[in-house]
Protein backbone atom coordinates (compact mmCIF):
# COMPACT_ATOMS: atom_id res chain seq x y z
CA MET A 1 160.69 135.81 -81.31
CA LYS A 2 157.25 134.92 -79.89
CA TYR A 3 155.41 137.81 -78.23
CA ASP A 4 154.26 136.46 -74.79
CA PHE A 5 151.52 139.10 -74.40
CA ALA A 6 150.05 137.48 -71.24
CA ALA A 7 153.35 137.95 -69.33
CA ILE A 8 154.65 141.07 -70.94
CA GLU A 9 151.28 143.00 -70.68
CA LYS A 10 150.80 141.88 -67.05
CA LYS A 11 154.36 143.05 -66.16
CA TRP A 12 154.01 146.51 -67.48
CA GLN A 13 150.39 147.00 -66.35
CA GLU A 14 151.55 146.12 -62.79
CA LYS A 15 154.32 148.69 -63.14
CA TRP A 16 151.84 151.43 -64.33
CA GLU A 17 149.70 150.62 -61.27
CA GLN A 18 152.63 151.31 -59.01
CA GLU A 19 154.14 154.35 -60.70
CA LYS A 20 151.00 156.01 -62.21
CA PRO A 21 152.65 157.45 -65.29
CA TYR A 22 149.15 158.54 -66.72
CA ALA A 23 148.05 160.64 -63.75
CA ALA A 24 147.65 164.36 -64.47
CA VAL A 25 149.70 166.52 -62.16
CA THR A 26 147.93 169.38 -60.41
CA GLY A 27 149.78 172.69 -60.64
CA ASP A 28 152.32 171.37 -63.29
CA LYS A 29 153.73 174.13 -65.42
CA LYS A 30 153.47 172.11 -68.57
CA PRO A 31 150.88 173.00 -71.19
CA LYS A 32 147.62 171.26 -70.39
CA PHE A 33 145.66 168.83 -72.63
CA TYR A 34 142.28 167.38 -71.75
CA GLY A 35 141.23 164.19 -73.54
CA LEU A 36 137.66 163.04 -72.76
CA ILE A 37 135.77 160.00 -73.90
CA GLU A 38 132.11 159.25 -73.45
CA PHE A 39 132.04 157.25 -70.21
CA PRO A 40 130.49 153.75 -70.67
CA TYR A 41 127.45 152.85 -68.69
CA PRO A 42 127.68 149.47 -66.96
CA SER A 43 124.25 148.11 -67.88
CA ALA A 44 125.79 144.83 -68.92
CA ALA A 45 128.29 142.36 -67.48
CA GLY A 46 131.25 143.74 -69.48
CA LEU A 47 132.55 145.86 -72.26
CA HIS A 48 131.44 145.21 -75.95
CA VAL A 49 133.38 145.82 -79.08
CA GLY A 50 131.91 149.31 -79.51
CA HIS A 51 133.76 150.58 -76.44
CA PRO A 52 137.40 150.06 -77.46
CA ARG A 53 136.97 151.78 -80.83
CA PRO A 54 136.61 155.37 -79.50
CA PHE A 55 138.62 154.71 -76.42
CA THR A 56 141.65 153.55 -78.41
CA ALA A 57 141.49 156.70 -80.72
CA MET A 58 141.52 159.01 -77.74
CA ASP A 59 144.33 156.94 -76.05
CA ILE A 60 146.47 157.38 -79.15
CA ILE A 61 145.94 161.12 -79.09
CA CYS A 62 146.71 161.42 -75.36
CA ARG A 63 149.84 159.30 -75.58
CA LYS A 64 151.09 161.51 -78.32
CA LYS A 65 150.45 164.64 -76.30
CA ARG A 66 152.37 163.21 -73.38
CA MET A 67 155.25 162.54 -75.63
CA GLN A 68 155.04 166.19 -76.78
CA GLY A 69 155.42 167.43 -73.28
CA TYR A 70 151.88 168.12 -72.33
CA ASN A 71 150.24 167.51 -68.87
CA VAL A 72 147.49 165.24 -69.95
CA LEU A 73 144.27 164.72 -68.21
CA ASN A 74 142.53 161.56 -69.57
CA PRO A 75 139.91 160.55 -66.95
CA ILE A 76 137.64 157.58 -66.81
CA GLY A 77 134.22 157.05 -65.28
CA PHE A 78 130.94 155.22 -65.38
CA ASP A 79 127.61 156.61 -66.36
CA ALA A 80 125.95 154.12 -64.11
CA PHE A 81 122.39 155.58 -63.47
CA GLY A 82 119.46 154.82 -65.81
CA LEU A 83 116.74 152.35 -66.78
CA PRO A 84 119.02 150.09 -68.88
CA THR A 85 121.02 149.25 -65.64
CA GLU A 86 117.66 148.67 -63.83
CA ASN A 87 116.42 146.48 -66.57
CA PHE A 88 119.66 144.43 -66.54
CA ALA A 89 119.16 144.06 -62.68
CA ILE A 90 115.55 142.93 -63.08
CA LYS A 91 116.46 140.40 -65.85
CA ASN A 92 119.25 138.90 -63.67
CA HIS A 93 117.27 139.14 -60.37
CA ILE A 94 119.93 141.24 -58.69
CA HIS A 95 119.56 144.59 -56.83
CA PRO A 96 120.74 147.46 -59.10
CA ALA A 97 123.25 148.64 -56.51
CA ILE A 98 124.86 145.18 -56.48
CA VAL A 99 124.83 144.63 -60.13
CA THR A 100 126.24 148.12 -60.83
CA LYS A 101 129.17 147.53 -58.44
CA ARG A 102 129.97 144.25 -59.94
CA ASN A 103 129.78 145.50 -63.48
CA ILE A 104 131.97 148.53 -62.72
CA GLU A 105 134.55 146.10 -61.16
CA ASN A 106 134.57 143.93 -64.33
CA PHE A 107 134.64 146.99 -66.64
CA THR A 108 137.66 148.27 -64.65
CA ARG A 109 139.39 144.97 -65.01
CA GLN A 110 138.76 144.83 -68.74
CA LEU A 111 139.90 148.41 -69.32
CA LYS A 112 143.05 147.94 -67.44
CA MET A 113 143.67 144.70 -69.31
CA LEU A 114 143.47 146.66 -72.62
CA GLY A 115 146.26 148.87 -71.42
CA TYR A 116 144.61 152.26 -71.73
CA GLY A 117 146.37 155.38 -70.31
CA PHE A 118 143.52 156.57 -68.15
CA ASP A 119 144.12 158.58 -64.97
CA TRP A 120 142.82 155.99 -62.54
CA GLU A 121 143.20 158.59 -59.73
CA ARG A 122 140.24 160.43 -61.24
CA VAL A 123 137.43 157.87 -61.58
CA ILE A 124 133.87 159.10 -61.73
CA ASP A 125 130.90 156.88 -60.61
CA THR A 126 127.52 158.69 -61.20
CA THR A 127 125.95 156.52 -58.51
CA ASP A 128 128.26 157.79 -55.91
CA PRO A 129 126.46 160.22 -53.57
CA ASP A 130 129.50 162.44 -53.49
CA TYR A 131 129.13 162.82 -57.23
CA TYR A 132 125.43 163.05 -57.79
CA ARG A 133 124.95 165.61 -54.90
CA TRP A 134 126.55 168.06 -57.31
CA THR A 135 124.43 167.05 -60.29
CA GLN A 136 121.41 167.56 -58.09
CA TRP A 137 122.77 170.94 -56.97
CA ILE A 138 123.38 172.00 -60.67
CA PHE A 139 119.87 170.95 -61.62
CA LEU A 140 118.40 172.94 -58.90
CA GLN A 141 120.36 176.08 -60.05
CA MET A 142 119.10 175.52 -63.51
CA TYR A 143 115.51 175.11 -62.24
CA LYS A 144 115.73 178.39 -60.27
CA HIS A 145 116.95 180.16 -63.42
CA GLY A 146 114.03 178.80 -65.58
CA LEU A 147 116.37 176.44 -67.58
CA ALA A 148 114.79 173.20 -66.19
CA TYR A 149 111.10 172.66 -66.63
CA LYS A 150 108.58 169.83 -67.04
CA THR A 151 106.33 169.37 -70.07
CA THR A 152 104.65 166.65 -72.04
CA MET A 153 106.13 165.73 -75.36
CA PRO A 154 106.36 162.81 -77.88
CA VAL A 155 109.30 160.62 -77.25
CA ASN A 156 110.71 157.33 -78.64
CA TRP A 157 109.49 154.66 -76.24
CA CYS A 158 110.93 151.09 -76.22
CA THR A 159 108.10 148.68 -75.45
CA SER A 160 110.48 146.20 -73.74
CA CYS A 161 113.02 148.37 -72.00
CA LYS A 162 110.30 150.77 -70.86
CA CYS A 163 112.56 153.77 -71.35
CA VAL A 164 113.00 156.81 -73.63
CA LEU A 165 115.43 156.38 -76.57
CA ALA A 166 117.38 158.90 -78.52
CA ASN A 167 116.65 158.97 -82.26
CA GLU A 168 120.08 157.35 -82.90
CA GLU A 169 119.06 154.35 -80.78
CA VAL A 170 116.00 153.61 -82.94
CA VAL A 171 116.95 151.40 -85.93
CA GLU A 172 114.29 150.59 -88.52
CA GLY A 173 111.53 151.11 -85.94
CA VAL A 174 113.06 148.82 -83.19
CA CYS A 175 115.31 149.31 -80.17
CA GLU A 176 119.01 148.83 -81.10
CA ARG A 177 119.65 147.28 -77.66
CA CYS A 178 116.88 144.66 -77.37
CA GLY A 179 115.18 144.59 -80.77
CA ALA A 180 111.69 145.35 -79.41
CA PRO A 181 109.31 147.66 -81.33
CA VAL A 182 109.64 151.36 -80.56
CA VAL A 183 106.59 153.70 -80.57
CA ARG A 184 106.05 157.41 -80.28
CA LYS A 185 104.40 158.09 -76.87
CA GLU A 186 103.42 161.27 -74.95
CA LYS A 187 105.26 161.43 -71.69
CA SER A 188 105.76 164.07 -69.00
CA GLN A 189 109.57 164.90 -69.07
CA TRP A 190 111.98 167.16 -67.40
CA MET A 191 113.60 169.38 -70.01
CA LEU A 192 116.64 171.53 -70.19
CA ARG A 193 116.12 174.81 -72.08
CA ILE A 194 119.49 174.67 -73.97
CA THR A 195 117.90 176.44 -76.95
CA LYS A 196 118.57 179.63 -74.83
CA TYR A 197 122.26 179.20 -75.70
CA ALA A 198 121.85 177.91 -79.27
CA ASP A 199 122.68 181.16 -80.96
CA ARG A 200 125.94 181.52 -78.94
CA LEU A 201 126.84 177.95 -79.70
CA ILE A 202 126.49 178.23 -83.32
CA ASP A 203 128.05 181.69 -83.56
CA ASP A 204 131.04 180.68 -81.49
CA LEU A 205 131.83 177.89 -83.96
CA ASP A 206 133.31 180.73 -86.10
CA LEU A 207 135.50 182.14 -83.40
CA GLU A 208 139.16 182.62 -84.23
CA GLY A 209 141.30 179.98 -82.78
CA LEU A 210 138.62 177.26 -82.51
CA ASP A 211 140.62 174.26 -83.84
CA TYR A 212 137.59 171.96 -84.90
CA ILE A 213 138.04 170.63 -88.38
CA GLU A 214 135.63 172.22 -90.91
CA ARG A 215 133.58 168.97 -91.29
CA VAL A 216 132.90 168.91 -87.56
CA LYS A 217 131.88 172.57 -87.56
CA THR A 218 129.49 171.98 -90.50
CA GLN A 219 127.98 168.92 -88.58
CA GLN A 220 127.44 171.07 -85.59
CA LYS A 221 125.76 173.86 -87.37
CA ASN A 222 123.51 171.48 -89.24
CA TRP A 223 122.61 169.76 -85.96
CA ILE A 224 121.73 173.09 -84.30
CA GLY A 225 119.92 173.89 -87.45
CA ARG A 226 119.26 177.58 -87.11
CA SER A 227 116.84 179.13 -89.58
CA THR A 228 115.31 182.66 -89.74
CA GLY A 229 111.71 182.99 -90.67
CA THR A 230 108.26 184.22 -89.74
CA GLU A 231 105.24 182.86 -87.88
CA VAL A 232 101.94 183.33 -89.84
CA THR A 233 98.50 182.92 -88.23
CA PHE A 234 95.79 181.20 -90.31
CA LYS A 235 92.12 181.20 -89.51
CA THR A 236 90.19 177.85 -89.49
CA ASN A 237 86.58 176.94 -89.30
CA THR A 238 87.04 175.98 -85.64
CA GLU A 239 87.49 178.25 -82.64
CA ASP A 240 91.25 177.77 -83.02
CA ASP A 241 93.65 179.67 -85.20
CA ILE A 242 96.75 177.83 -86.31
CA THR A 243 100.26 179.26 -86.50
CA VAL A 244 102.75 178.19 -89.08
CA TYR A 245 106.47 178.79 -89.13
CA THR A 246 107.98 179.57 -92.49
CA THR A 247 111.35 180.62 -93.86
CA ARG A 248 109.59 181.82 -97.20
CA VAL A 249 106.65 184.05 -96.15
CA ASP A 250 107.01 185.63 -99.62
CA THR A 251 105.35 182.46 -101.12
CA LEU A 252 102.28 182.88 -98.96
CA PHE A 253 100.06 183.37 -101.98
CA GLY A 254 101.17 179.93 -103.14
CA VAL A 255 99.82 178.01 -100.17
CA THR A 256 97.23 175.46 -101.39
CA TYR A 257 97.09 173.13 -98.29
CA THR A 258 98.37 172.85 -94.76
CA VAL A 259 99.74 169.85 -92.91
CA ILE A 260 99.69 169.08 -89.21
CA SER A 261 101.95 166.68 -87.23
CA PRO A 262 100.34 163.46 -85.96
CA GLU A 263 101.32 164.36 -82.39
CA HIS A 264 99.75 167.83 -82.44
CA PRO A 265 97.27 168.37 -79.52
CA LEU A 266 94.75 170.10 -81.78
CA LEU A 267 93.93 166.76 -83.51
CA ASN A 268 92.44 165.34 -80.28
CA LYS A 269 90.79 168.63 -79.65
CA TRP A 270 89.09 168.49 -82.98
CA LYS A 271 88.13 164.83 -82.73
CA GLU A 272 84.41 165.51 -82.77
CA ARG A 273 84.75 167.77 -85.85
CA ILE A 274 86.83 165.46 -87.92
CA ALA A 275 84.33 163.21 -89.93
CA ASN A 276 86.98 160.51 -90.71
CA TRP A 277 88.52 160.32 -87.22
CA ALA A 278 88.94 156.56 -87.48
CA ASP A 279 91.39 157.02 -90.39
CA VAL A 280 93.14 159.76 -88.69
CA GLU A 281 93.53 157.72 -85.54
CA ALA A 282 94.90 154.76 -87.45
CA TYR A 283 97.37 157.05 -89.22
CA LYS A 284 98.54 158.49 -85.80
CA GLN A 285 99.20 155.04 -84.53
CA ALA A 286 101.17 154.09 -87.65
CA ALA A 287 103.19 157.30 -87.30
CA ALA A 288 103.92 156.44 -83.68
CA ARG A 289 105.92 153.39 -84.82
CA LYS A 290 108.33 155.47 -86.86
CA SER A 291 111.41 157.45 -85.68
CA ASP A 292 112.00 161.01 -86.53
CA PHE A 293 114.72 160.07 -88.85
CA GLU A 294 112.39 157.76 -90.89
CA ARG A 295 109.68 160.33 -91.07
CA GLY A 296 112.06 163.19 -92.12
CA GLU A 297 113.62 161.39 -95.07
CA LEU A 298 113.20 163.50 -98.11
CA ASN A 299 112.93 160.60 -100.65
CA LYS A 300 110.31 158.59 -98.69
CA ASP A 301 106.82 157.95 -99.99
CA LYS A 302 104.44 160.77 -99.13
CA THR A 303 101.55 159.64 -96.90
CA GLY A 304 98.76 161.48 -95.11
CA VAL A 305 95.06 161.68 -94.35
CA ARG A 306 92.91 164.72 -95.21
CA LEU A 307 91.01 165.97 -92.19
CA GLU A 308 87.48 165.99 -93.35
CA GLY A 309 85.51 168.76 -91.60
CA ILE A 310 88.53 171.05 -91.02
CA GLU A 311 89.08 174.07 -93.27
CA VAL A 312 91.97 176.66 -93.29
CA THR A 313 91.85 180.18 -94.90
CA ASN A 314 94.87 181.30 -96.76
CA PRO A 315 95.30 184.89 -95.25
CA ALA A 316 96.80 186.21 -98.46
CA THR A 317 94.29 185.00 -100.90
CA GLY A 318 91.21 184.41 -98.80
CA LYS A 319 90.69 181.04 -100.30
CA VAL A 320 89.88 178.02 -98.25
CA VAL A 321 92.54 175.19 -98.29
CA PRO A 322 92.42 171.72 -96.84
CA MET A 323 94.46 170.34 -93.89
CA PHE A 324 96.12 166.95 -93.83
CA VAL A 325 97.90 164.99 -91.11
CA SER A 326 101.18 163.66 -92.30
CA ASP A 327 104.19 162.08 -90.60
CA TYR A 328 106.83 164.17 -92.34
CA VAL A 329 105.79 167.16 -90.06
CA LEU A 330 107.40 166.91 -86.70
CA MET A 331 106.32 168.55 -83.49
CA SER A 332 110.00 169.33 -82.75
CA TYR A 333 110.30 171.78 -85.64
CA GLY A 334 108.48 175.03 -85.85
CA THR A 335 104.96 174.86 -84.54
CA GLY A 336 104.10 171.38 -85.69
CA ILE A 337 102.03 172.67 -88.55
CA VAL A 338 103.40 173.62 -92.03
CA MET A 339 102.07 175.42 -95.04
CA GLY A 340 102.23 173.63 -98.37
CA VAL A 341 103.73 175.65 -101.33
CA PRO A 342 103.89 172.96 -103.93
CA GLY A 343 104.97 175.31 -106.66
CA HIS A 344 108.35 175.98 -105.04
CA ASP A 345 109.13 173.09 -102.64
CA GLN A 346 109.85 169.63 -104.07
CA ARG A 347 108.52 167.72 -101.03
CA ASP A 348 105.37 169.89 -101.20
CA TRP A 349 105.09 169.31 -104.85
CA ASP A 350 105.26 165.50 -104.42
CA PHE A 351 102.71 165.64 -101.67
CA ALA A 352 100.23 167.80 -103.75
CA THR A 353 100.80 165.67 -106.86
CA LYS A 354 99.88 162.52 -104.92
CA PHE A 355 96.71 164.00 -103.37
CA GLY A 356 95.51 166.01 -106.44
CA LEU A 357 96.04 169.44 -104.90
CA PRO A 358 96.41 172.75 -106.78
CA ILE A 359 100.00 173.91 -107.66
CA VAL A 360 100.32 177.70 -108.02
CA GLU A 361 103.40 179.52 -109.42
CA VAL A 362 104.28 182.53 -107.31
CA VAL A 363 107.87 183.05 -108.42
CA LYS A 364 108.42 183.28 -112.04
CA GLY A 365 110.58 180.56 -113.73
CA GLY A 366 110.23 176.87 -114.62
CA ASN A 367 107.05 174.80 -115.22
CA VAL A 368 105.52 174.09 -111.76
CA GLN A 369 103.17 171.60 -113.29
CA GLU A 370 106.01 169.35 -114.08
CA ALA A 371 108.28 170.03 -111.05
CA ALA A 372 108.80 172.48 -108.26
CA PHE A 373 110.64 175.57 -109.25
CA THR A 374 113.06 175.71 -106.24
CA ASP A 375 115.72 178.04 -107.72
CA CYS A 376 113.71 180.93 -106.37
CA ALA A 377 116.07 182.83 -104.00
CA THR A 378 115.76 185.73 -106.47
CA GLY A 379 113.14 186.31 -109.15
CA VAL A 380 109.93 188.14 -109.76
CA MET A 381 106.67 187.60 -107.89
CA VAL A 382 103.61 186.52 -109.94
CA ASN A 383 100.06 185.42 -109.05
CA SER A 384 100.70 187.20 -105.73
CA GLY A 385 98.20 190.13 -105.68
CA ILE A 386 99.85 193.37 -104.59
CA LEU A 387 103.30 191.75 -104.60
CA ASN A 388 103.21 191.10 -108.38
CA GLY A 389 106.28 192.43 -110.11
CA LEU A 390 108.31 192.73 -106.99
CA LYS A 391 111.69 190.99 -106.72
CA VAL A 392 111.85 188.04 -104.28
CA ASN A 393 114.76 189.63 -102.47
CA PHE A 394 113.09 192.87 -101.73
CA TYR A 395 113.65 192.21 -98.00
CA PRO A 396 116.80 191.03 -96.12
CA VAL A 397 117.41 187.41 -95.07
CA SER A 398 116.38 188.10 -91.52
CA PHE A 399 112.62 188.59 -91.43
CA THR A 400 112.82 190.60 -88.31
CA ALA A 401 112.94 193.78 -90.34
CA ILE A 402 110.05 193.05 -92.63
CA PRO A 403 107.38 195.18 -91.15
CA TRP A 404 109.57 198.18 -90.90
CA LEU A 405 111.44 198.18 -94.27
CA PRO A 406 111.44 201.69 -95.73
CA GLY A 407 109.49 201.80 -99.00
CA ARG A 408 107.68 198.58 -98.48
CA ARG A 409 105.84 199.40 -95.29
CA ASP A 410 102.42 200.00 -97.06
CA VAL A 411 102.75 196.60 -98.88
CA TRP A 412 102.98 194.74 -95.69
CA LYS A 413 100.22 196.83 -93.93
CA LYS A 414 97.92 195.72 -96.70
CA ILE A 415 98.83 192.11 -96.27
CA MET A 416 98.55 192.37 -92.43
CA LYS A 417 95.00 193.91 -92.86
CA SER A 418 94.03 190.64 -94.81
CA SER A 419 94.23 188.86 -91.38
CA VAL A 420 97.91 187.76 -91.65
CA ILE A 421 99.67 187.97 -88.37
CA LEU A 422 103.39 188.14 -89.03
CA SER A 423 105.72 187.36 -86.14
CA PRO A 424 109.50 187.35 -86.85
CA LYS A 425 111.20 184.27 -85.33
CA VAL A 426 114.53 182.54 -85.26
CA ARG A 427 114.17 178.74 -85.09
CA HIS A 428 116.51 175.95 -84.41
CA SER A 429 115.36 172.97 -86.39
CA GLN A 430 116.47 170.12 -84.03
CA ALA A 431 114.85 169.21 -80.73
CA TRP A 432 117.39 171.25 -78.85
CA THR A 433 115.43 170.79 -75.61
CA ARG A 434 116.47 167.21 -74.90
CA SER A 435 114.79 164.81 -72.51
CA ARG A 436 116.58 162.27 -70.45
């Protein structure tokens, strides 16, 4: 028997329009299930193949839940604001309001034709004033409570779309939508301080009863990227001290160089002091054409430029060490400046080897001239002055308690008198403060 899909699908879709079997029932006593997809944004004339993939998966789940007796809410909507829609309107010489209305109508037709079980009684259009009045109200509440603020930061900028892109939207240095080059650009952005809730978000992933699969929990924890460490202040030969965030302050005696992010504002401030500024500027421009993902790859070639004229003093040893600019340091992590401990970090070892920098062993074990000794969660300190002979794990994982540890207070007092300024910190490695 031939399946006449055109007639059969049309028949049942018309029946669904009349009887609304997929509408959630307010006040129903059945157990509730909320199935939510990421709403499409109608910046093109119609759906693309990437839309049905997640929509179909959620549709299957929602249909199963209905068959199991749940009162299912599976809404649909259109994330219709944004520069992609405006660019589409400009390209096609149509007012954004008109093109958005047309595109939503076509998206709706296509979604219904695909037979999805959305609750069409609950459709959201973000360009509807009755909707965005509430997003504006929510923003104002966040602003009043210090959760929304404006700042300047480096972003991924599409040179064609003229808009900010998420890291995931940059593929091999170009915009995934239009293929135009993407550069890093300083822009004034409204930000949401969601880092304020990062600890609760990561801790609540372990709550009893949370039914996320373990793989998803791990992905969430890695994305939040909490780390516990210390901020250390280093003196420079300029009027500016620099602050470095590290999770291994115990290896401070092994610091033989420092690295600053290409976007760090101190670079421009030191422009007149840096003898090879032309090389630094060229490197900054090259780094601006790379995404954070590309720059953060562990196995990528190590590149950088030494800042001639800038010197940094290791506060533990008193020795002067050089500073480099390198694209593997991101402004979104820590302070945008890192200390290099090549004896015990493989990436630092690769960098030091390439640029001929000293490699000092400060945790006993291995041969640091051949490779970084990274199995140093425990061990004995060496070449570390007053710390020699102490075990690495002589303080707890959380650095908050370091200055007040019984029995080791004098040790840290001596270090702090050597001009080290220790400040306990908890950091979240991802750019938790997102711009849109």
